[in-house]
């Protein structure tokens, strides 16, 4: 069965529109990856320049005097901080960066391109840039997750320390 000239023309235009949409999505994913890399660099610089010195001062002023009083055999603050960082902060950061990188890899996958090529009716283009807004929102959420994990790791926990028995009433 042969197609009419009008149908062939419509299919050719549809294929061109689909290819243009695919190229636009690739550009958007590249921009999202670039934003994620820049956010990672900025977070690293901010952590190194702002957070680390504040934490060091807070440790020296508030935590170090208490740590010196606590028996080393019962609690080691450095081990607990390292454990929290290794178990909470690093997995959150790694997960966020892994998700961004997986999105970029999936966009370049041949199977995704092939599936996209089979699309008959593409969705109309939106002028509002919903894809860009979603990518930026995902980046902001990932950065907020990392900040929350860092905050949870280094926040003051009043239940962490056991009170000394020095203020107990003397027994006669």
N, C-alpha and C. Protein backbone atom coordinates (compact mmCIF):
# COMPACT_ATOMS: atom_id res chain seq x y z
N UNK A 1 0.84 -1.17 0.00
CA UNK A 1 0.00 0.00 0.00
C UNK A 1 0.89 1.23 0.00
N UNK A 2 0.65 2.10 -0.96
CA UNK A 2 1.46 3.30 -1.04
C UNK A 2 0.77 4.45 -0.30
N UNK A 3 1.60 5.35 0.19
CA UNK A 3 1.07 6.50 0.92
C UNK A 3 0.89 7.65 -0.05
N UNK A 4 -0.03 8.51 0.31
CA UNK A 4 -0.25 9.68 -0.52
C UNK A 4 0.88 10.67 -0.30
N UNK A 5 1.00 11.57 -1.23
CA UNK A 5 2.05 12.59 -1.15
C UNK A 5 1.86 13.46 0.09
N UNK A 6 0.60 13.76 0.41
CA UNK A 6 0.30 14.58 1.58
C UNK A 6 0.74 13.85 2.86
N UNK A 7 0.45 12.54 2.94
CA UNK A 7 0.82 11.75 4.12
C UNK A 7 2.35 11.68 4.26
N UNK A 8 3.06 11.48 3.14
CA UNK A 8 4.53 11.44 3.18
C UNK A 8 5.09 12.78 3.67
N UNK A 9 4.49 13.86 3.20
CA UNK A 9 4.94 15.19 3.61
C UNK A 9 4.72 15.40 5.11
N UNK A 10 3.53 14.97 5.61
CA UNK A 10 3.24 15.10 7.04
C UNK A 10 4.21 14.27 7.88
N UNK A 11 4.50 13.04 7.43
CA UNK A 11 5.44 12.19 8.16
C UNK A 11 6.85 12.77 8.16
N UNK A 12 7.25 13.35 7.03
CA UNK A 12 8.58 13.97 6.96
C UNK A 12 8.66 15.16 7.92
N UNK A 13 7.61 16.00 7.97
CA UNK A 13 7.59 17.13 8.89
C UNK A 13 7.58 16.65 10.34
N UNK A 14 6.81 15.60 10.61
CA UNK A 14 6.75 15.03 11.95
C UNK A 14 8.12 14.49 12.38
N UNK A 15 8.81 13.83 11.47
CA UNK A 15 10.15 13.32 11.78
C UNK A 15 11.10 14.48 12.08
N UNK A 16 11.01 15.55 11.30
CA UNK A 16 11.85 16.72 11.55
C UNK A 16 11.55 17.35 12.90
N UNK A 17 10.26 17.45 13.24
CA UNK A 17 9.88 17.99 14.54
C UNK A 17 10.39 17.11 15.68
N UNK A 18 10.29 15.79 15.50
CA UNK A 18 10.77 14.87 16.54
C UNK A 18 12.28 15.00 16.71
N UNK A 19 13.01 15.13 15.63
CA UNK A 19 14.47 15.30 15.73
C UNK A 19 14.83 16.62 16.39
N UNK A 20 14.09 17.67 16.09
CA UNK A 20 14.36 18.96 16.73
C UNK A 20 14.07 18.89 18.23
N UNK A 21 12.99 18.21 18.59
CA UNK A 21 12.67 18.04 20.00
C UNK A 21 13.74 17.23 20.71
N UNK A 22 14.23 16.18 20.07
CA UNK A 22 15.29 15.35 20.65
C UNK A 22 16.55 16.19 20.88
N UNK A 23 16.91 17.00 19.91
CA UNK A 23 18.11 17.85 20.05
C UNK A 23 17.91 18.86 21.19
N UNK A 24 16.71 19.41 21.31
CA UNK A 24 16.44 20.37 22.39
C UNK A 24 16.54 19.69 23.75
N UNK A 25 16.06 18.46 23.84
CA UNK A 25 16.16 17.73 25.11
C UNK A 25 17.62 17.43 25.45
N UNK A 26 18.42 17.09 24.45
CA UNK A 26 19.84 16.83 24.68
C UNK A 26 20.54 18.08 25.19
N UNK A 27 20.21 19.23 24.59
CA UNK A 27 20.79 20.49 25.05
C UNK A 27 20.38 20.78 26.49
N UNK A 28 19.12 20.53 26.81
CA UNK A 28 18.63 20.76 28.17
C UNK A 28 19.35 19.87 29.17
N UNK A 29 19.54 18.59 28.83
CA UNK A 29 20.25 17.69 29.74
C UNK A 29 21.71 18.10 29.90
N UNK A 30 22.32 18.56 28.83
CA UNK A 30 23.70 19.05 28.94
C UNK A 30 23.77 20.26 29.86
N UNK A 31 22.81 21.16 29.74
CA UNK A 31 22.76 22.33 30.62
C UNK A 31 22.52 21.91 32.07
N UNK A 32 21.64 20.94 32.28
CA UNK A 32 21.36 20.46 33.64
C UNK A 32 22.61 19.83 34.24
N UNK A 33 23.36 19.06 33.45
CA UNK A 33 24.60 18.48 33.95
C UNK A 33 25.62 19.56 34.29
N UNK A 34 25.68 20.59 33.46
CA UNK A 34 26.60 21.70 33.72
C UNK A 34 26.22 22.42 35.01
N UNK A 35 24.92 22.66 35.21
CA UNK A 35 24.47 23.32 36.44
C UNK A 35 24.79 22.45 37.65
N UNK A 36 24.59 21.14 37.54
CA UNK A 36 24.89 20.23 38.66
C UNK A 36 26.38 20.25 38.99
N UNK A 37 27.22 20.25 37.96
CA UNK A 37 28.67 20.31 38.21
C UNK A 37 29.05 21.63 38.88
N UNK A 38 28.49 22.74 38.40
CA UNK A 38 28.79 24.04 39.01
C UNK A 38 28.28 24.09 40.45
N UNK A 39 27.11 23.54 40.69
CA UNK A 39 26.57 23.52 42.06
C UNK A 39 27.47 22.69 42.97
N UNK A 40 27.98 21.59 42.46
CA UNK A 40 28.88 20.74 43.25
C UNK A 40 30.16 21.50 43.59
N UNK A 41 30.70 22.20 42.61
CA UNK A 41 31.92 22.99 42.86
C UNK A 41 31.67 24.10 43.89
N UNK A 42 30.55 24.79 43.73
CA UNK A 42 30.22 25.87 44.65
C UNK A 42 29.99 25.33 46.06
N UNK A 43 29.31 24.21 46.18
CA UNK A 43 29.08 23.60 47.49
C UNK A 43 30.39 23.18 48.13
N UNK A 44 31.29 22.65 47.34
CA UNK A 44 32.60 22.25 47.86
C UNK A 44 33.38 23.47 48.34
N UNK A 45 33.38 24.53 47.54
CA UNK A 45 34.10 25.74 47.93
C UNK A 45 33.47 26.38 49.17
N UNK A 46 32.16 26.44 49.21
CA UNK A 46 31.49 27.01 50.38
C UNK A 46 31.78 26.20 51.63
N UNK A 47 31.75 24.89 51.49
CA UNK A 47 32.05 24.02 52.63
C UNK A 47 33.48 24.23 53.11
N UNK A 48 34.41 24.32 52.19
CA UNK A 48 35.82 24.50 52.55
C UNK A 48 36.08 25.88 53.16
N UNK A 49 35.45 26.92 52.60
CA UNK A 49 35.74 28.29 53.03
C UNK A 49 34.91 28.74 54.23
N UNK A 50 33.67 28.27 54.34
CA UNK A 50 32.77 28.77 55.38
C UNK A 50 32.46 27.75 56.47
N UNK A 51 32.03 26.57 56.07
CA UNK A 51 31.54 25.60 57.05
C UNK A 51 32.67 24.99 57.85
N UNK A 52 33.74 24.56 57.20
CA UNK A 52 34.84 23.90 57.92
C UNK A 52 35.46 24.81 59.00
N UNK A 53 35.76 26.09 58.72
CA UNK A 53 36.30 26.93 59.79
C UNK A 53 35.31 27.13 60.94
N UNK A 54 34.02 27.27 60.62
CA UNK A 54 33.02 27.43 61.69
C UNK A 54 32.95 26.17 62.55
N UNK A 55 32.98 25.03 61.91
CA UNK A 55 32.94 23.78 62.67
C UNK A 55 34.18 23.63 63.54
N UNK A 56 35.32 24.01 63.00
CA UNK A 56 36.55 23.92 63.79
C UNK A 56 36.49 24.83 65.01
N UNK A 57 35.99 26.07 64.82
CA UNK A 57 35.86 26.99 65.96
C UNK A 57 34.85 26.47 66.98
N UNK A 58 33.73 25.97 66.49
CA UNK A 58 32.71 25.45 67.41
C UNK A 58 33.25 24.25 68.18
N UNK A 59 34.00 23.42 67.51
CA UNK A 59 34.58 22.25 68.19
C UNK A 59 35.56 22.71 69.27
N UNK A 60 36.44 23.64 68.92
CA UNK A 60 37.44 24.10 69.88
C UNK A 60 36.80 24.83 71.07
N UNK A 61 35.75 25.62 70.81
CA UNK A 61 35.14 26.43 71.88
C UNK A 61 34.17 25.63 72.74
N UNK A 62 33.39 24.77 72.15
CA UNK A 62 32.31 24.14 72.90
C UNK A 62 32.50 22.64 73.11
N UNK A 63 32.93 21.94 72.11
CA UNK A 63 32.96 20.49 72.21
C UNK A 63 34.26 19.96 72.81
N UNK A 64 35.36 20.58 72.49
CA UNK A 64 36.65 20.07 72.96
C UNK A 64 36.75 20.04 74.49
N UNK A 65 36.29 21.07 75.23
CA UNK A 65 36.36 20.96 76.69
C UNK A 65 35.55 19.78 77.22
N UNK A 66 34.42 19.50 76.62
CA UNK A 66 33.60 18.38 77.07
C UNK A 66 34.25 17.06 76.71
N UNK A 67 34.84 17.00 75.53
CA UNK A 67 35.48 15.76 75.09
C UNK A 67 36.64 15.41 75.99
N UNK A 68 37.36 16.40 76.47
CA UNK A 68 38.48 16.13 77.35
C UNK A 68 38.02 15.53 78.69
N UNK A 69 36.78 15.87 79.09
CA UNK A 69 36.27 15.34 80.35
C UNK A 69 35.72 13.92 80.20
N UNK A 70 35.31 13.58 79.02
CA UNK A 70 34.70 12.27 78.81
C UNK A 70 35.79 11.21 78.70
N UNK A 71 35.56 10.09 79.29
CA UNK A 71 36.51 8.99 79.24
C UNK A 71 36.68 8.52 77.79
N UNK A 72 37.90 8.40 77.33
CA UNK A 72 38.18 8.04 75.94
C UNK A 72 37.66 6.65 75.60
N UNK A 73 37.57 5.79 76.57
CA UNK A 73 37.10 4.43 76.30
C UNK A 73 35.60 4.38 76.03
N UNK A 74 34.83 5.33 76.58
CA UNK A 74 33.37 5.26 76.42
C UNK A 74 32.88 6.03 75.20
N UNK A 75 33.57 7.08 74.79
CA UNK A 75 33.08 7.85 73.66
C UNK A 75 34.22 8.56 72.96
N UNK A 76 34.30 8.43 71.68
CA UNK A 76 35.31 9.11 70.89
C UNK A 76 34.58 9.97 69.86
N UNK A 77 34.57 11.26 70.07
CA UNK A 77 33.80 12.17 69.22
C UNK A 77 34.27 12.15 67.78
N UNK A 78 35.56 12.00 67.60
CA UNK A 78 36.06 11.97 66.22
C UNK A 78 35.53 10.76 65.46
N UNK A 79 35.48 9.62 66.11
CA UNK A 79 34.97 8.42 65.44
C UNK A 79 33.49 8.58 65.13
N UNK A 80 32.74 9.15 66.04
CA UNK A 80 31.31 9.34 65.82
C UNK A 80 31.06 10.32 64.67
N UNK A 81 31.82 11.41 64.63
CA UNK A 81 31.66 12.39 63.55
C UNK A 81 32.03 11.77 62.22
N UNK A 82 33.11 11.03 62.17
CA UNK A 82 33.53 10.36 60.93
C UNK A 82 32.48 9.34 60.51
N UNK A 83 31.97 8.59 61.46
CA UNK A 83 30.95 7.59 61.16
C UNK A 83 29.70 8.26 60.57
N UNK A 84 29.25 9.34 61.19
CA UNK A 84 28.07 10.06 60.68
C UNK A 84 28.33 10.63 59.29
N UNK A 85 29.52 11.18 59.09
CA UNK A 85 29.84 11.73 57.78
C UNK A 85 29.87 10.63 56.73
N UNK A 86 30.52 9.51 57.06
CA UNK A 86 30.63 8.40 56.10
C UNK A 86 29.28 7.75 55.82
N UNK A 87 28.44 7.66 56.83
CA UNK A 87 27.17 6.94 56.67
C UNK A 87 26.00 7.81 56.24
N UNK A 88 26.08 9.13 56.44
CA UNK A 88 24.94 9.98 56.11
C UNK A 88 25.24 10.98 54.99
N UNK A 89 26.33 11.72 55.13
CA UNK A 89 26.61 12.79 54.17
C UNK A 89 27.09 12.23 52.83
N UNK A 90 28.10 11.38 52.85
CA UNK A 90 28.65 10.88 51.60
C UNK A 90 27.62 10.10 50.77
N UNK A 91 26.80 9.22 51.34
CA UNK A 91 25.81 8.56 50.51
C UNK A 91 24.80 9.53 49.90
N UNK A 92 24.41 10.56 50.63
CA UNK A 92 23.46 11.53 50.09
C UNK A 92 24.07 12.29 48.92
N UNK A 93 25.29 12.74 49.06
CA UNK A 93 25.97 13.46 47.98
C UNK A 93 26.18 12.53 46.79
N UNK A 94 26.64 11.33 47.06
CA UNK A 94 26.87 10.37 45.98
C UNK A 94 25.59 10.02 45.25
N UNK A 95 24.51 9.85 45.99
CA UNK A 95 23.23 9.55 45.35
C UNK A 95 22.75 10.67 44.46
N UNK A 96 22.88 11.89 44.93
CA UNK A 96 22.44 13.03 44.14
C UNK A 96 23.26 13.17 42.86
N UNK A 97 24.58 13.07 42.98
CA UNK A 97 25.43 13.18 41.80
C UNK A 97 25.22 11.99 40.87
N UNK A 98 25.03 10.81 41.42
CA UNK A 98 24.78 9.63 40.59
C UNK A 98 23.50 9.75 39.80
N UNK A 99 22.48 10.32 40.40
CA UNK A 99 21.21 10.51 39.70
C UNK A 99 21.38 11.46 38.52
N UNK A 100 22.09 12.55 38.74
CA UNK A 100 22.32 13.51 37.65
C UNK A 100 23.12 12.86 36.52
N UNK A 101 24.14 12.11 36.87
CA UNK A 101 24.95 11.46 35.84
C UNK A 101 24.16 10.38 35.12
N UNK A 102 23.29 9.65 35.82
CA UNK A 102 22.48 8.62 35.19
C UNK A 102 21.49 9.23 34.19
N UNK A 103 20.96 10.41 34.50
CA UNK A 103 20.07 11.09 33.56
C UNK A 103 20.80 11.41 32.26
N UNK A 104 22.02 11.88 32.38
CA UNK A 104 22.81 12.19 31.19
C UNK A 104 23.11 10.95 30.38
N UNK A 105 23.46 9.84 31.05
CA UNK A 105 23.73 8.60 30.35
C UNK A 105 22.48 8.05 29.68
N UNK A 106 21.35 8.11 30.35
CA UNK A 106 20.11 7.60 29.77
C UNK A 106 19.71 8.38 28.53
N UNK A 107 19.98 9.67 28.53
CA UNK A 107 19.61 10.49 27.38
C UNK A 107 20.44 10.13 26.16
N UNK A 108 21.61 9.60 26.35
CA UNK A 108 22.47 9.24 25.23
C UNK A 108 22.36 7.77 24.84
N UNK A 109 21.52 7.01 25.51
CA UNK A 109 21.35 5.59 25.26
C UNK A 109 20.66 5.37 23.92
N UNK A 110 21.16 4.42 23.14
CA UNK A 110 20.60 4.14 21.82
C UNK A 110 19.17 3.64 21.89
N UNK A 111 18.85 2.87 22.91
CA UNK A 111 17.48 2.37 23.06
C UNK A 111 16.50 3.52 23.27
N UNK A 112 16.92 4.52 24.03
CA UNK A 112 16.05 5.68 24.26
C UNK A 112 15.86 6.43 22.95
N UNK A 113 16.94 6.58 22.19
CA UNK A 113 16.83 7.27 20.90
C UNK A 113 15.91 6.49 19.96
N UNK A 114 16.04 5.16 19.95
CA UNK A 114 15.20 4.34 19.08
C UNK A 114 13.73 4.45 19.48
N UNK A 115 13.46 4.40 20.77
CA UNK A 115 12.09 4.52 21.25
C UNK A 115 11.53 5.90 20.91
N UNK A 116 12.37 6.90 21.00
CA UNK A 116 11.93 8.24 20.67
C UNK A 116 11.64 8.37 19.18
N UNK A 117 12.39 7.65 18.35
CA UNK A 117 12.18 7.69 16.91
C UNK A 117 10.86 7.08 16.49
N UNK A 118 10.28 6.20 17.30
CA UNK A 118 9.02 5.54 16.98
C UNK A 118 7.80 6.38 17.36
N UNK A 119 8.01 7.52 17.93
CA UNK A 119 6.89 8.36 18.36
C UNK A 119 6.15 8.87 17.13
N UNK A 120 4.81 8.73 17.15
CA UNK A 120 4.01 9.16 16.02
C UNK A 120 3.54 10.59 16.19
N UNK A 121 3.03 10.91 17.36
CA UNK A 121 2.56 12.25 17.62
C UNK A 121 3.36 12.89 18.74
N UNK A 122 4.23 13.79 18.42
CA UNK A 122 4.97 14.46 19.50
C UNK A 122 4.05 15.44 20.21
N UNK A 123 4.36 15.67 21.46
CA UNK A 123 3.59 16.65 22.23
C UNK A 123 3.93 18.05 21.70
N UNK A 124 2.97 18.95 21.76
CA UNK A 124 3.26 20.30 21.30
C UNK A 124 4.32 20.95 22.18
N UNK A 125 5.13 21.78 21.54
CA UNK A 125 6.20 22.45 22.30
C UNK A 125 5.58 23.44 23.26
N UNK A 126 6.16 23.47 24.45
CA UNK A 126 5.68 24.40 25.47
C UNK A 126 6.67 25.56 25.56
N UNK A 127 6.16 26.75 25.57
CA UNK A 127 7.02 27.92 25.63
C UNK A 127 7.53 28.19 27.04
N UNK A 128 6.88 27.58 28.05
CA UNK A 128 7.26 27.88 29.43
C UNK A 128 8.54 27.17 29.85
N UNK A 129 9.00 26.20 29.10
CA UNK A 129 10.24 25.51 29.46
C UNK A 129 10.07 24.62 30.69
N UNK A 130 9.07 23.75 30.66
CA UNK A 130 8.79 22.89 31.82
C UNK A 130 9.96 21.94 32.08
N UNK A 131 10.59 21.47 31.04
CA UNK A 131 11.74 20.57 31.23
C UNK A 131 12.88 21.26 31.95
N UNK A 132 13.12 22.49 31.58
CA UNK A 132 14.18 23.25 32.24
C UNK A 132 13.82 23.50 33.70
N UNK A 133 12.56 23.81 33.96
CA UNK A 133 12.13 24.03 35.33
C UNK A 133 12.26 22.76 36.15
N UNK A 134 11.92 21.62 35.56
CA UNK A 134 12.05 20.34 36.27
C UNK A 134 13.51 20.05 36.57
N UNK A 135 14.38 20.26 35.59
CA UNK A 135 15.81 20.00 35.81
C UNK A 135 16.37 20.92 36.90
N UNK A 136 16.01 22.19 36.86
CA UNK A 136 16.49 23.11 37.89
C UNK A 136 15.93 22.74 39.26
N UNK A 137 14.66 22.34 39.30
CA UNK A 137 14.06 21.93 40.56
C UNK A 137 14.76 20.71 41.12
N UNK A 138 15.08 19.75 40.22
CA UNK A 138 15.81 18.55 40.67
C UNK A 138 17.17 18.93 41.24
N UNK A 139 17.86 19.88 40.61
CA UNK A 139 19.15 20.33 41.12
C UNK A 139 19.03 20.99 42.47
N UNK A 140 18.01 21.82 42.64
CA UNK A 140 17.80 22.50 43.92
C UNK A 140 17.46 21.49 45.01
N UNK A 141 16.62 20.50 44.68
CA UNK A 141 16.26 19.48 45.65
C UNK A 141 17.48 18.66 46.05
N UNK A 142 18.34 18.33 45.08
CA UNK A 142 19.55 17.58 45.39
C UNK A 142 20.46 18.39 46.31
N UNK A 143 20.62 19.68 46.03
CA UNK A 143 21.46 20.53 46.88
C UNK A 143 20.85 20.66 48.27
N UNK A 144 19.52 20.76 48.35
CA UNK A 144 18.86 20.84 49.66
C UNK A 144 19.04 19.54 50.43
N UNK A 145 19.00 18.41 49.73
CA UNK A 145 19.23 17.12 50.39
C UNK A 145 20.62 17.02 50.97
N UNK A 146 21.59 17.49 50.21
CA UNK A 146 22.97 17.47 50.70
C UNK A 146 23.11 18.39 51.92
N UNK A 147 22.52 19.58 51.85
CA UNK A 147 22.60 20.51 52.97
C UNK A 147 21.92 19.93 54.21
N UNK A 148 20.78 19.27 54.02
CA UNK A 148 20.07 18.66 55.15
C UNK A 148 20.90 17.54 55.76
N UNK A 149 21.54 16.72 54.91
CA UNK A 149 22.36 15.63 55.43
C UNK A 149 23.54 16.19 56.24
N UNK A 150 24.16 17.26 55.75
CA UNK A 150 25.26 17.88 56.48
C UNK A 150 24.76 18.45 57.80
N UNK A 151 23.62 19.11 57.77
CA UNK A 151 23.04 19.67 59.00
C UNK A 151 22.72 18.58 60.01
N UNK A 152 22.12 17.48 59.56
CA UNK A 152 21.78 16.38 60.46
C UNK A 152 23.04 15.77 61.06
N UNK A 153 24.11 15.73 60.30
CA UNK A 153 25.34 15.12 60.78
C UNK A 153 26.00 15.97 61.86
N UNK A 154 26.00 17.26 61.70
CA UNK A 154 26.76 18.13 62.59
C UNK A 154 25.90 18.93 63.58
N UNK A 155 24.62 18.64 63.67
CA UNK A 155 23.77 19.40 64.60
C UNK A 155 24.07 18.97 66.03
N UNK A 156 23.74 19.83 66.97
CA UNK A 156 23.96 19.53 68.38
C UNK A 156 22.89 18.54 68.83
N UNK A 157 23.31 17.51 69.51
CA UNK A 157 22.38 16.49 70.00
C UNK A 157 22.52 16.41 71.50
N UNK A 158 21.53 16.95 72.23
CA UNK A 158 21.62 17.03 73.68
C UNK A 158 21.58 15.66 74.34
N UNK A 159 20.99 14.69 73.70
CA UNK A 159 20.89 13.36 74.29
C UNK A 159 22.17 12.55 74.11
N UNK A 160 23.13 13.11 73.42
CA UNK A 160 24.37 12.40 73.12
C UNK A 160 25.26 12.27 74.34
N UNK A 161 25.24 13.24 75.21
CA UNK A 161 26.15 13.25 76.35
C UNK A 161 25.42 12.79 77.61
N UNK A 162 26.14 12.07 78.44
CA UNK A 162 25.61 11.61 79.72
C UNK A 162 26.10 12.58 80.78
N UNK A 163 25.20 13.05 81.64
CA UNK A 163 25.57 14.03 82.66
C UNK A 163 26.48 13.38 83.71
N UNK A 164 27.42 14.17 84.21
CA UNK A 164 28.31 13.70 85.26
C UNK A 164 27.53 13.57 86.57
N UNK A 165 27.99 12.70 87.44
CA UNK A 165 27.32 12.50 88.72
C UNK A 165 27.87 13.42 89.81
N UNK A 166 28.62 14.45 89.43
CA UNK A 166 29.24 15.34 90.39
C UNK A 166 28.21 16.14 91.19
N UNK A 167 27.05 16.47 90.62
CA UNK A 167 26.10 17.29 91.33
C UNK A 167 25.11 16.44 92.14
N UNK A 168 25.35 15.18 92.30
CA UNK A 168 24.45 14.34 93.10
C UNK A 168 24.61 14.68 94.58
N UNK A 169 23.55 14.50 95.38
CA UNK A 169 23.57 14.79 96.80
C UNK A 169 24.48 13.75 97.51
N UNK A 170 25.34 14.19 98.41
CA UNK A 170 26.20 13.24 99.12
C UNK A 170 25.35 12.39 100.08
N UNK A 171 25.68 11.15 100.14
CA UNK A 171 24.94 10.27 101.06
C UNK A 171 25.69 10.18 102.39
N UNK A 172 24.97 10.25 103.49
CA UNK A 172 25.60 10.23 104.83
C UNK A 172 25.43 8.90 105.46
